[in-house]
Protein backbone atom coordinates (compact mmCIF):
# COMPACT_ATOMS: atom_id res chain seq x y z
CA MET A 1 0.00 0.00 0.00
CA ARG A 2 1.40 3.37 -1.02
CA MET A 3 0.90 6.22 1.43
CA ASP A 4 0.24 9.68 0.16
CA ARG A 5 2.32 12.54 1.54
CA THR A 6 -0.58 14.13 3.38
CA THR A 7 -1.24 10.94 5.33
CA MET A 8 2.48 10.57 5.97
CA LEU A 9 2.59 14.14 7.30
CA GLU A 10 -0.29 13.38 9.65
CA ALA A 11 1.55 10.34 11.02
CA VAL A 12 4.77 12.31 11.57
CA LEU A 13 3.01 15.20 13.28
CA PHE A 14 0.88 12.87 15.41
CA VAL A 15 3.96 11.46 17.16
CA ALA A 16 6.04 14.67 17.24
CA ASP A 17 6.08 16.56 20.52
CA ALA A 18 7.30 19.80 18.96
CA PRO A 19 7.00 21.59 15.62
CA VAL A 20 8.80 19.72 12.84
CA SER A 21 10.88 21.90 10.52
CA TYR A 22 10.23 22.12 6.80
CA GLU A 23 13.69 20.68 6.16
CA VAL A 24 13.05 17.58 8.26
CA LEU A 25 9.59 17.10 6.77
CA ALA A 26 10.90 17.47 3.22
CA LYS A 27 13.41 14.67 3.84
CA MET A 28 10.89 12.42 5.57
CA LEU A 29 8.17 12.87 2.97
CA GLY A 30 10.44 12.86 -0.07
CA ALA A 31 9.13 16.30 -1.01
CA GLY A 32 10.64 19.64 -1.83
CA ARG A 33 10.83 22.19 0.98
CA ASP A 34 8.49 24.43 -1.04
CA GLU A 35 5.85 21.64 -1.13
CA ILE A 36 5.52 21.31 2.65
CA SER A 37 3.15 24.25 3.10
CA SER A 38 0.84 22.81 0.44
CA ILE A 39 0.88 19.35 2.03
CA ALA A 40 0.17 20.92 5.44
CA SER A 41 -2.79 22.80 3.92
CA ASP A 42 -4.12 19.54 2.46
CA LEU A 43 -3.89 17.94 5.89
CA ALA A 44 -5.67 20.89 7.50
CA GLU A 45 -8.50 20.53 4.96
CA ARG A 46 -8.82 16.78 5.56
CA LEU A 47 -8.98 17.31 9.31
CA ALA A 48 -11.64 19.99 8.90
CA LEU A 49 -13.72 17.78 6.57
CA ARG A 50 -13.85 14.98 9.10
CA SER A 51 -14.52 17.37 12.00
CA SER A 52 -11.30 16.30 13.69
CA PRO A 53 -10.45 17.69 17.13
CA LEU A 54 -6.95 18.30 15.75
CA GLU A 55 -5.65 21.21 13.73
CA VAL A 56 -2.47 21.96 11.83
CA ILE A 57 -0.32 24.93 12.77
CA ASP A 58 2.05 25.98 9.96
CA SER A 59 4.53 28.69 10.97
CA GLY A 60 6.17 28.87 7.56
CA GLU A 61 9.28 27.26 9.05
CA GLY A 62 7.74 24.23 10.74
CA VAL A 63 4.47 22.37 11.17
CA PHE A 64 2.73 21.12 14.32
CA LEU A 65 -0.44 19.14 15.02
CA VAL A 66 -2.38 20.40 18.04
CA LEU A 67 -5.63 19.77 19.82
CA LYS A 68 -8.27 22.42 19.24
CA GLU A 69 -8.79 24.62 22.28
CA GLU A 70 -12.43 23.58 22.76
CA TYR A 71 -11.30 20.01 23.55
CA ALA A 72 -8.79 20.97 26.25
CA ASP A 73 -11.18 20.57 29.21
CA LEU A 74 -12.37 17.21 27.90
CA VAL A 75 -8.92 15.62 27.67
CA TYR A 76 -7.28 17.29 30.68
CA PRO A 77 -8.11 14.44 33.12
CA VAL A 78 -6.19 11.89 31.04
CA MET A 79 -3.25 14.07 29.97
CA ARG A 80 0.17 13.19 31.29
CA PRO A 81 1.92 16.28 32.57
CA GLU A 82 5.49 16.55 31.41
CA ILE A 83 8.26 15.40 33.68
CA SER A 84 11.21 17.77 34.01
CA ARG A 85 14.69 16.64 32.98
CA ALA A 86 15.94 16.81 36.54
CA VAL A 87 13.14 14.54 37.77
CA LEU A 88 13.71 12.17 34.83
CA ARG A 89 17.40 11.95 35.72
CA THR A 90 16.49 11.09 39.30
CA LEU A 91 14.01 8.50 38.05
CA SER A 92 16.66 6.96 35.79
CA VAL A 93 19.01 6.51 38.77
CA ILE A 94 16.21 4.83 40.73
CA ALA A 95 15.31 2.55 37.82
CA TYR A 96 18.93 1.60 37.16
CA ARG A 97 19.96 0.98 40.77
CA GLN A 98 16.70 -0.29 42.24
CA PRO A 99 16.05 -1.03 44.93
CA ILE A 100 17.98 2.01 46.16
CA LEU A 101 17.99 3.78 49.49
CA GLN A 102 16.77 7.36 49.29
CA SER A 103 19.87 8.44 51.23
CA ASP A 104 22.08 6.86 48.53
CA LEU A 105 20.01 8.57 45.83
CA VAL A 106 20.51 11.95 47.53
CA GLU A 107 24.28 11.34 47.56
CA VAL A 108 24.17 10.81 43.79
CA ARG A 109 21.57 13.44 42.80
CA GLY A 110 21.83 16.05 45.58
CA SER A 111 19.22 17.37 47.98
CA GLY A 112 16.82 18.23 45.15
CA ALA A 113 16.17 14.48 44.92
CA TYR A 114 13.84 14.74 47.92
CA ALA A 115 11.39 16.87 45.94
CA HIS A 116 11.89 14.66 42.86
CA VAL A 117 10.99 11.56 44.87
CA GLU A 118 7.85 13.28 46.19
CA GLU A 119 6.76 14.04 42.62
CA LEU A 120 7.56 10.52 41.43
CA VAL A 121 5.63 8.95 44.30
CA LYS A 122 2.63 11.22 43.58
CA ARG A 123 2.76 10.14 39.93
CA ASP A 124 2.90 6.50 41.09
CA LEU A 125 6.12 5.95 39.14
CA VAL A 126 8.11 5.15 42.29
CA ALA A 127 7.16 3.32 45.46
CA ARG A 128 8.94 3.92 48.74
CA HIS A 129 9.08 1.89 51.90
CA ARG A 130 10.67 2.88 55.20
CA SER A 131 13.95 1.11 55.87
CA GLY A 132 15.61 2.27 59.06
CA ARG A 133 16.21 6.01 58.87
CA SER A 134 15.79 6.09 55.09
CA TYR A 135 13.44 4.76 52.43
CA VAL A 136 13.86 2.05 49.84
CA LEU A 137 12.84 3.30 46.39
CA GLN A 138 11.74 1.16 43.48
CA THR A 139 9.80 1.67 40.26
CA THR A 140 6.16 0.60 40.09
CA PRO A 141 4.04 -1.17 37.48
CA GLU A 142 2.85 2.32 36.46
CA PHE A 143 6.48 3.11 35.55
CA SER A 144 6.48 0.16 33.14
CA ARG A 145 3.13 1.18 31.69
CA TYR A 146 4.04 4.86 31.36
CA PHE A 147 7.36 4.18 29.66
CA LYS A 148 6.12 1.07 27.83
CA THR A 149 8.86 -1.15 29.22
CA ALA A 150 8.74 -4.80 30.17
CA ASP A 151 9.73 -5.82 33.65
CA LEU A 152 13.48 -6.29 33.36
CA VAL A 153 13.99 -7.33 36.97
CA GLY A 154 11.89 -10.00 38.64
CA GLY A 155 9.44 -8.47 41.07
CA GLN A 156 9.88 -4.95 39.69
CA GLY A 157 7.27 -2.68 41.15
CA ARG A 158 6.88 -4.63 44.37
CA LEU A 159 8.86 -3.64 47.39
CA GLU A 160 10.46 -6.49 49.24
CA THR A 161 10.19 -6.24 52.98
CA ASP A 162 12.39 -7.99 55.51
């Protein structure tokens, strides 16, 4: 089955989390840079014809697919808020070294790790269990679901207690 460029553009923009430049799109779609605006217009028309909740934003330098404003309240309850780089770095240390004591994590990541752990626990990406004067940290099943990973370590997501 041969895909047309407009459908290909929709697929690319659907998975992109930022505007995609004309140069990148031209390479991906096998089109000239000057054709990108026209392909983006075709996509915008197709979306409008099918009453899609999505719309195309074309800045003249890049293209982005966004949700129409009137749907924002509807989807808000299921949206995943972004995780900052600092929190992701803390999470990666936990995932790599799990189970890890929070005190050891703070030695590696600094005192900001306390706030990071609070956020990760609230998001149910990390579980913590008291162990002496510290906590044992480990990723949860939600971590695997969120990041679409398979359990790499037996018992991942369940804290072992002594």
